[in-house]
Amino acid sequence: VQLQASGGGLVQAGASRRLSCLASGRATDITSMYTMGWFRQAPGKEREFVAYIYGSYSTYYTDSVKGRFTISRDNAKNTVYLQMNSLKFEDTAVYYCAARRRGHTIDVLSTGGYDYWGQGTLVTVSS
């Protein structure tokens, strides 16, 4: 499975941005990626969890983005989205999408809980 993230760029604080993550590969492998997540890594910091979607509708967010970010997926397009609203300077980071196979047992909120990663897309929020 290959993941390609896109949609990053330079935005002003308070603005919105939508990131996309396109999954490609064998159909059976893609459908086994029941959980899809977004992580981010700010300069000089470790990669951190942002959000995940389990199935089509079950979602979970880190506290700092609750109420501002929305994760969703379009299975017909093999794409996961991260809608980011009311962006803040501290949201500046490289954003990575990740995929987790069914049956994975490592914590879903940790980087170790995912089997495949996209290349990252940079979001820079100007204050």
Protein backbone atom coordinates (compact mmCIF):
# COMPACT_ATOMS: atom_id res chain seq x y z
CA VAL A 1 0.00 0.00 0.00
CA GLN A 2 1.29 3.45 -0.90
CA LEU A 3 -0.02 6.62 0.69
CA GLN A 4 0.30 10.04 -0.88
CA ALA A 5 -0.53 13.08 1.18
CA SER A 6 -1.27 16.43 -0.39
CA GLY A 7 -2.88 19.77 0.32
CA GLY A 8 -0.30 21.45 2.46
CA GLY A 9 0.82 25.02 1.99
CA LEU A 10 1.09 28.44 3.57
CA VAL A 11 -2.06 29.71 5.26
CA GLN A 12 -2.90 32.56 7.57
CA ALA A 13 -3.97 31.99 11.14
CA GLY A 14 -7.71 31.49 11.34
CA ALA A 15 -7.95 30.11 7.83
CA SER A 16 -8.89 26.59 6.71
CA ARG A 17 -7.08 23.91 4.77
CA ARG A 18 -7.98 20.42 3.65
CA LEU A 19 -5.40 17.68 3.42
CA SER A 20 -5.91 14.56 1.35
CA CYS A 21 -4.34 11.14 1.54
CA LEU A 22 -4.71 8.83 -1.43
CA ALA A 23 -4.11 5.13 -0.90
CA SER A 24 -3.01 2.96 -3.79
CA GLY A 25 -2.12 -0.68 -4.14
CA ARG A 26 -3.95 -3.95 -4.23
CA ALA A 27 -7.64 -3.58 -3.51
CA THR A 28 -7.55 -6.29 -0.86
CA ASP A 29 -4.70 -4.55 0.91
CA ILE A 30 -6.46 -1.19 0.87
CA THR A 31 -9.68 -2.57 2.28
CA SER A 32 -7.72 -4.14 5.10
CA MET A 33 -6.63 -0.66 6.22
CA TYR A 34 -9.59 -0.22 8.51
CA THR A 35 -8.03 2.57 10.52
CA MET A 36 -6.46 5.62 8.92
CA GLY A 37 -4.69 8.30 10.87
CA TRP A 38 -3.06 11.68 10.62
CA PHE A 39 0.05 12.61 12.53
CA ARG A 40 2.16 15.74 12.48
CA GLN A 41 5.70 16.72 13.25
CA ALA A 42 6.66 20.26 14.09
CA PRO A 43 10.27 21.44 13.74
CA GLY A 44 12.41 20.05 16.53
CA LYS A 45 9.60 17.94 17.95
CA GLU A 46 8.55 14.33 17.80
CA ARG A 47 5.82 13.12 15.52
CA GLU A 48 2.49 13.31 17.31
CA PHE A 49 -0.96 11.87 16.81
CA VAL A 50 -3.65 14.17 15.39
CA ALA A 51 -6.68 12.10 14.46
CA TYR A 52 -7.85 8.70 13.28
CA ILE A 53 -10.90 7.27 11.62
CA TYR A 54 -12.00 3.70 12.26
CA GLY A 55 -14.27 2.30 9.60
CA SER A 56 -16.34 5.02 7.99
CA TYR A 57 -17.49 7.05 10.93
CA SER A 58 -15.70 6.40 14.19
CA THR A 59 -13.23 9.18 14.83
CA TYR A 60 -10.91 10.33 17.55
CA TYR A 61 -8.86 13.52 17.93
CA THR A 62 -6.09 14.82 20.06
CA ASP A 63 -7.35 17.49 22.44
CA SER A 64 -5.58 20.38 20.74
CA VAL A 65 -7.53 19.96 17.49
CA LYS A 66 -10.94 18.90 18.76
CA GLY A 67 -13.65 21.12 17.37
CA ARG A 68 -11.33 22.48 14.68
CA PHE A 69 -10.21 19.46 12.65
CA THR A 70 -12.37 16.80 11.02
CA ILE A 71 -11.14 13.51 9.62
CA SER A 72 -13.22 11.71 7.01
CA ARG A 73 -12.82 9.12 4.31
CA ASP A 74 -14.22 8.36 0.89
CA ASN A 75 -13.80 4.65 0.36
CA ALA A 76 -14.82 4.87 -3.29
CA LYS A 77 -11.86 7.16 -3.87
CA ASN A 78 -9.50 5.43 -1.43
CA THR A 79 -8.95 8.81 0.11
CA VAL A 80 -8.84 10.13 3.66
CA TYR A 81 -9.23 13.82 4.38
CA LEU A 82 -8.28 16.12 7.20
CA GLN A 83 -10.29 19.31 7.21
CA MET A 84 -8.50 21.89 9.32
CA ASN A 85 -10.37 25.00 10.39
CA SER A 86 -9.38 27.92 12.59
CA LEU A 87 -5.73 27.14 12.05
CA LYS A 88 -3.25 28.36 14.62
CA PHE A 89 0.44 29.08 14.41
CA GLU A 90 1.09 26.01 16.57
CA ASP A 91 -0.53 23.81 13.92
CA THR A 92 2.50 24.40 11.72
CA ALA A 93 4.02 21.01 10.98
CA VAL A 94 4.58 18.34 8.40
CA TYR A 95 1.42 16.28 8.33
CA TYR A 96 1.60 12.55 7.66
CA CYS A 97 -1.16 10.13 6.87
CA ALA A 98 -0.86 6.56 8.03
CA ALA A 99 -2.69 3.28 7.62
CA ARG A 100 -3.22 0.51 10.12
CA ARG A 101 -4.09 -3.04 9.19
CA ARG A 102 -6.87 -4.89 10.91
CA GLY A 103 -5.64 -6.87 13.86
CA HIS A 104 -2.84 -4.46 14.71
CA THR A 105 -2.34 -4.49 18.45
CA ILE A 106 -0.04 -1.56 19.16
CA ASP A 107 -1.64 1.60 20.54
CA VAL A 108 -3.57 3.35 17.76
CA LEU A 109 -2.43 6.73 19.09
CA SER A 110 1.25 5.90 18.64
CA THR A 111 3.37 5.95 15.52
CA GLY A 112 4.12 2.29 16.10
CA GLY A 113 0.46 1.49 15.66
CA TYR A 114 0.54 2.03 11.90
CA ASP A 115 1.89 -0.09 9.09
CA TYR A 116 2.17 2.37 6.22
CA TRP A 117 3.05 6.05 6.00
CA GLY A 118 2.74 8.76 3.42
CA GLN A 119 5.56 11.15 2.61
CA GLY A 120 4.15 14.12 4.52
CA THR A 121 2.84 17.49 3.46
CA LEU A 122 3.94 20.75 5.06
CA VAL A 123 1.39 23.10 6.55
CA THR A 124 2.74 26.48 7.56
CA VAL A 125 0.45 28.80 9.47
CA SER A 126 1.47 32.43 9.55
CA SER A 127 0.49 34.46 12.58
